[in-house]
Amino acid sequence: MDIRLKTKTMELDGKTFELCCNFNVIADAEDLYGGLGALLRSENSMNTVRTFLACMMNDYADSMGWEERYTPRQAGRLLSTNPQELRSQAADIMALVFSAVTAERPTAAGAEAEGEEPEKN
């Protein structure tokens, strides 16, 4: 089973970003919004999209040594104004988020099935 975090390449602000929702992104989103649960339950789903997009862009920029940093408002301006493209971009961004927070993890029973010994307490 592949448990690596999912990634999505997007052209934004004249650069290529390899977006990924990792621990740093989730922590940054929590800081901006006051908690992951509140953010994911938000009735303003576009706010959720632009918040996670900004955090993913900032994490990638940091990993590349770029000085640019984006606020959710700035990230929102980089999304398409075409309604169909916007829906597609939003779906891609949220798919990264949900895959990071709901991904299946191997269990002791799964490890036994693969011939590995289960983890001991």
C-alpha atoms as a PDB file:
ATOM      1  CA  MET A   1       0.000   0.000   0.000  1.00  0.00           C
ATOM      2  CA  ASP A   2       1.348   3.416  -0.949  1.00  0.00           C
ATOM      3  CA  ILE A   3       1.019   5.803   2.008  1.00  0.00           C
ATOM      4  CA  ARG A   4       3.010   8.678   0.547  1.00  0.00           C
ATOM      5  CA  LEU A   5       1.282  12.037   0.597  1.00  0.00           C
ATOM      6  CA  LYS A   6      -0.416  12.979  -2.654  1.00  0.00           C
ATOM      7  CA  THR A   7       0.922  15.885  -4.705  1.00  0.00           C
ATOM      8  CA  LYS A   8      -0.467  18.125  -7.426  1.00  0.00           C
ATOM      9  CA  THR A   9       1.526  20.365  -9.750  1.00  0.00           C
ATOM     10  CA  MET A  10      -0.043  23.761 -10.403  1.00  0.00           C
ATOM     11  CA  GLU A  11       1.163  26.802 -12.318  1.00  0.00           C
ATOM     12  CA  LEU A  12       0.509  29.802 -10.074  1.00  0.00           C
ATOM     13  CA  ASP A  13       1.946  33.309  -9.985  1.00  0.00           C
ATOM     14  CA  GLY A  14       4.251  32.477 -12.896  1.00  0.00           C
ATOM     15  CA  LYS A  15       5.854  29.531 -11.069  1.00  0.00           C
ATOM     16  CA  THR A  16       5.380  25.794 -10.890  1.00  0.00           C
ATOM     17  CA  PHE A  17       4.283  24.644  -7.445  1.00  0.00           C
ATOM     18  CA  GLU A  18       4.295  21.015  -6.319  1.00  0.00           C
ATOM     19  CA  LEU A  19       1.437  21.208  -3.823  1.00  0.00           C
ATOM     20  CA  CYS A  20       1.222  18.731  -0.964  1.00  0.00           C
ATOM     21  CA  CYS A  21      -0.752  18.793   2.260  1.00  0.00           C
ATOM     22  CA  ASN A  22       1.776  17.746   4.887  1.00  0.00           C
ATOM     23  CA  PHE A  23       2.086  18.255   8.641  1.00  0.00           C
ATOM     24  CA  ASN A  24       3.515  21.777   8.238  1.00  0.00           C
ATOM     25  CA  VAL A  25       0.659  22.801   5.952  1.00  0.00           C
ATOM     26  CA  ILE A  26      -1.958  21.491   8.375  1.00  0.00           C
ATOM     27  CA  ALA A  27      -0.271  23.268  11.302  1.00  0.00           C
ATOM     28  CA  ASP A  28      -0.097  26.545   9.361  1.00  0.00           C
ATOM     29  CA  ALA A  29      -3.770  26.255   8.369  1.00  0.00           C
ATOM     30  CA  GLU A  30      -4.698  25.626  12.014  1.00  0.00           C
ATOM     31  CA  ASP A  31      -2.773  28.746  13.042  1.00  0.00           C
ATOM     32  CA  LEU A  32      -4.562  30.854  10.429  1.00  0.00           C
ATOM     33  CA  TYR A  33      -8.031  29.510  11.126  1.00  0.00           C
ATOM     34  CA  GLY A  34      -7.960  28.511  14.775  1.00  0.00           C
ATOM     35  CA  GLY A  35      -8.096  24.740  14.331  1.00  0.00           C
ATOM     36  CA  LEU A  36      -8.339  22.073  11.672  1.00  0.00           C
ATOM     37  CA  GLY A  37     -11.833  20.949  12.670  1.00  0.00           C
ATOM     38  CA  ALA A  38     -13.224  24.458  12.407  1.00  0.00           C
ATOM     39  CA  LEU A  39     -11.546  24.930   9.050  1.00  0.00           C
ATOM     40  CA  LEU A  40     -12.840  21.691   7.554  1.00  0.00           C
ATOM     41  CA  ARG A  41     -16.359  22.341   8.871  1.00  0.00           C
ATOM     42  CA  SER A  42     -16.368  25.887   7.552  1.00  0.00           C
ATOM     43  CA  GLU A  43     -19.510  26.886   5.689  1.00  0.00           C
ATOM     44  CA  ASN A  44     -17.339  29.136   3.537  1.00  0.00           C
ATOM     45  CA  SER A  45     -15.631  26.355   1.593  1.00  0.00           C
ATOM     46  CA  MET A  46     -13.769  28.728  -0.721  1.00  0.00           C
ATOM     47  CA  ASN A  47     -12.137  30.206   2.374  1.00  0.00           C
ATOM     48  CA  THR A  48     -10.980  26.686   3.217  1.00  0.00           C
ATOM     49  CA  VAL A  49      -9.652  26.185  -0.320  1.00  0.00           C
ATOM     50  CA  ARG A  50      -7.719  29.436  -0.425  1.00  0.00           C
ATOM     51  CA  THR A  51      -6.356  28.931   3.109  1.00  0.00           C
ATOM     52  CA  PHE A  52      -4.978  25.492   2.278  1.00  0.00           C
ATOM     53  CA  LEU A  53      -3.706  26.697  -1.100  1.00  0.00           C
ATOM     54  CA  ALA A  54      -1.770  29.542   0.543  1.00  0.00           C
ATOM     55  CA  CYS A  55      -0.310  27.180   3.148  1.00  0.00           C
ATOM     56  CA  MET A  56       0.723  24.621   0.501  1.00  0.00           C
ATOM     57  CA  MET A  57       2.237  27.337  -1.696  1.00  0.00           C
ATOM     58  CA  ASN A  58       4.149  28.773   1.254  1.00  0.00           C
ATOM     59  CA  ASP A  59       5.443  25.360   2.303  1.00  0.00           C
ATOM     60  CA  TYR A  60       6.684  24.634  -1.211  1.00  0.00           C
ATOM     61  CA  ALA A  61       8.201  28.123  -1.558  1.00  0.00           C
ATOM     62  CA  ASP A  62      10.015  27.587   1.745  1.00  0.00           C
ATOM     63  CA  SER A  63      11.346  24.198   0.616  1.00  0.00           C
ATOM     64  CA  MET A  64      12.643  25.795  -2.595  1.00  0.00           C
ATOM     65  CA  GLY A  65      14.276  28.720  -0.779  1.00  0.00           C
ATOM     66  CA  TRP A  66      11.954  31.265  -2.416  1.00  0.00           C
ATOM     67  CA  GLU A  67      11.219  34.437  -0.478  1.00  0.00           C
ATOM     68  CA  GLU A  68       7.604  34.772  -1.646  1.00  0.00           C
ATOM     69  CA  ARG A  69       4.858  34.054   0.858  1.00  0.00           C
ATOM     70  CA  TYR A  70       1.127  34.165   0.180  1.00  0.00           C
ATOM     71  CA  THR A  71      -1.902  35.053   2.258  1.00  0.00           C
ATOM     72  CA  PRO A  72      -5.157  33.196   1.632  1.00  0.00           C
ATOM     73  CA  ARG A  73      -6.502  36.317  -0.104  1.00  0.00           C
ATOM     74  CA  GLN A  74      -3.481  36.458  -2.443  1.00  0.00           C
ATOM     75  CA  ALA A  75      -3.743  32.727  -3.162  1.00  0.00           C
ATOM     76  CA  GLY A  76      -7.437  33.141  -3.967  1.00  0.00           C
ATOM     77  CA  ARG A  77      -6.589  35.732  -6.607  1.00  0.00           C
ATOM     78  CA  LEU A  78      -4.384  33.171  -8.363  1.00  0.00           C
ATOM     79  CA  LEU A  79      -7.249  30.729  -8.909  1.00  0.00           C
ATOM     80  CA  SER A  80      -9.149  30.700 -12.191  1.00  0.00           C
ATOM     81  CA  THR A  81     -12.070  33.022 -12.785  1.00  0.00           C
ATOM     82  CA  ASN A  82     -13.652  30.400 -15.056  1.00  0.00           C
ATOM     83  CA  PRO A  83     -16.299  28.647 -12.909  1.00  0.00           C
ATOM     84  CA  GLN A  84     -15.548  25.150 -14.257  1.00  0.00           C
ATOM     85  CA  GLU A  85     -11.784  25.553 -13.852  1.00  0.00           C
ATOM     86  CA  LEU A  86     -12.260  27.031 -10.386  1.00  0.00           C
ATOM     87  CA  ARG A  87     -14.363  24.032  -9.311  1.00  0.00           C
ATOM     88  CA  SER A  88     -11.685  21.696 -10.658  1.00  0.00           C
ATOM     89  CA  GLN A  89      -8.877  23.567  -8.884  1.00  0.00           C
ATOM     90  CA  ALA A  90     -10.835  23.643  -5.621  1.00  0.00           C
ATOM     91  CA  ALA A  91     -11.557  19.906  -5.890  1.00  0.00           C
ATOM     92  CA  ASP A  92      -7.855  19.171  -6.509  1.00  0.00           C
ATOM     93  CA  ILE A  93      -6.779  21.250  -3.510  1.00  0.00           C
ATOM     94  CA  MET A  94      -9.318  19.692  -1.157  1.00  0.00           C
ATOM     95  CA  ALA A  95      -8.477  16.193  -2.428  1.00  0.00           C
ATOM     96  CA  LEU A  96      -4.907  16.788  -1.237  1.00  0.00           C
ATOM     97  CA  VAL A  97      -6.191  17.902   2.161  1.00  0.00           C
ATOM     98  CA  PHE A  98      -8.591  15.005   2.652  1.00  0.00           C
ATOM     99  CA  SER A  99      -6.053  12.437   1.456  1.00  0.00           C
ATOM    100  CA  ALA A 100      -3.618  13.769   4.070  1.00  0.00           C
ATOM    101  CA  VAL A 101      -6.053  13.631   6.979  1.00  0.00           C
ATOM    102  CA  THR A 102      -7.966  10.466   6.089  1.00  0.00           C
ATOM    103  CA  ALA A 103      -5.334   8.249   4.433  1.00  0.00           C
ATOM    104  CA  GLU A 104      -5.386   4.613   5.479  1.00  0.00           C
ATOM    105  CA  ARG A 105      -2.441   3.538   7.564  1.00  0.00           C
ATOM    106  CA  PRO A 106      -1.133  -0.018   7.809  1.00  0.00           C
ATOM    107  CA  THR A 107      -2.379  -1.905  10.848  1.00  0.00           C
ATOM    108  CA  ALA A 108      -0.806  -4.754  12.777  1.00  0.00           C
ATOM    109  CA  ALA A 109      -3.211  -7.153  11.042  1.00  0.00           C
ATOM    110  CA  GLY A 110      -2.219  -5.725   7.652  1.00  0.00           C
ATOM    111  CA  ALA A 111       1.458  -6.115   8.513  1.00  0.00           C
ATOM    112  CA  GLU A 112       0.917  -9.765   9.419  1.00  0.00           C
ATOM    113  CA  ALA A 113      -0.778 -10.346   6.086  1.00  0.00           C
ATOM    114  CA  GLU A 114       2.301  -8.944   4.333  1.00  0.00           C
ATOM    115  CA  GLY A 115       4.593 -11.274   6.269  1.00  0.00           C
ATOM    116  CA  GLU A 116       5.812  -8.669   8.754  1.00  0.00           C
ATOM    117  CA  GLU A 117       5.588  -9.012  12.496  1.00  0.00           C
ATOM    118  CA  PRO A 118       2.994  -6.819  14.200  1.00  0.00           C
ATOM    119  CA  GLU A 119       4.250  -3.958  16.315  1.00  0.00           C
ATOM    120  CA  LYS A 120       4.482  -4.837  20.014  1.00  0.00           C
ATOM    121  CA  ASN A 121       3.290  -2.543  22.788  1.00  0.00           C
END
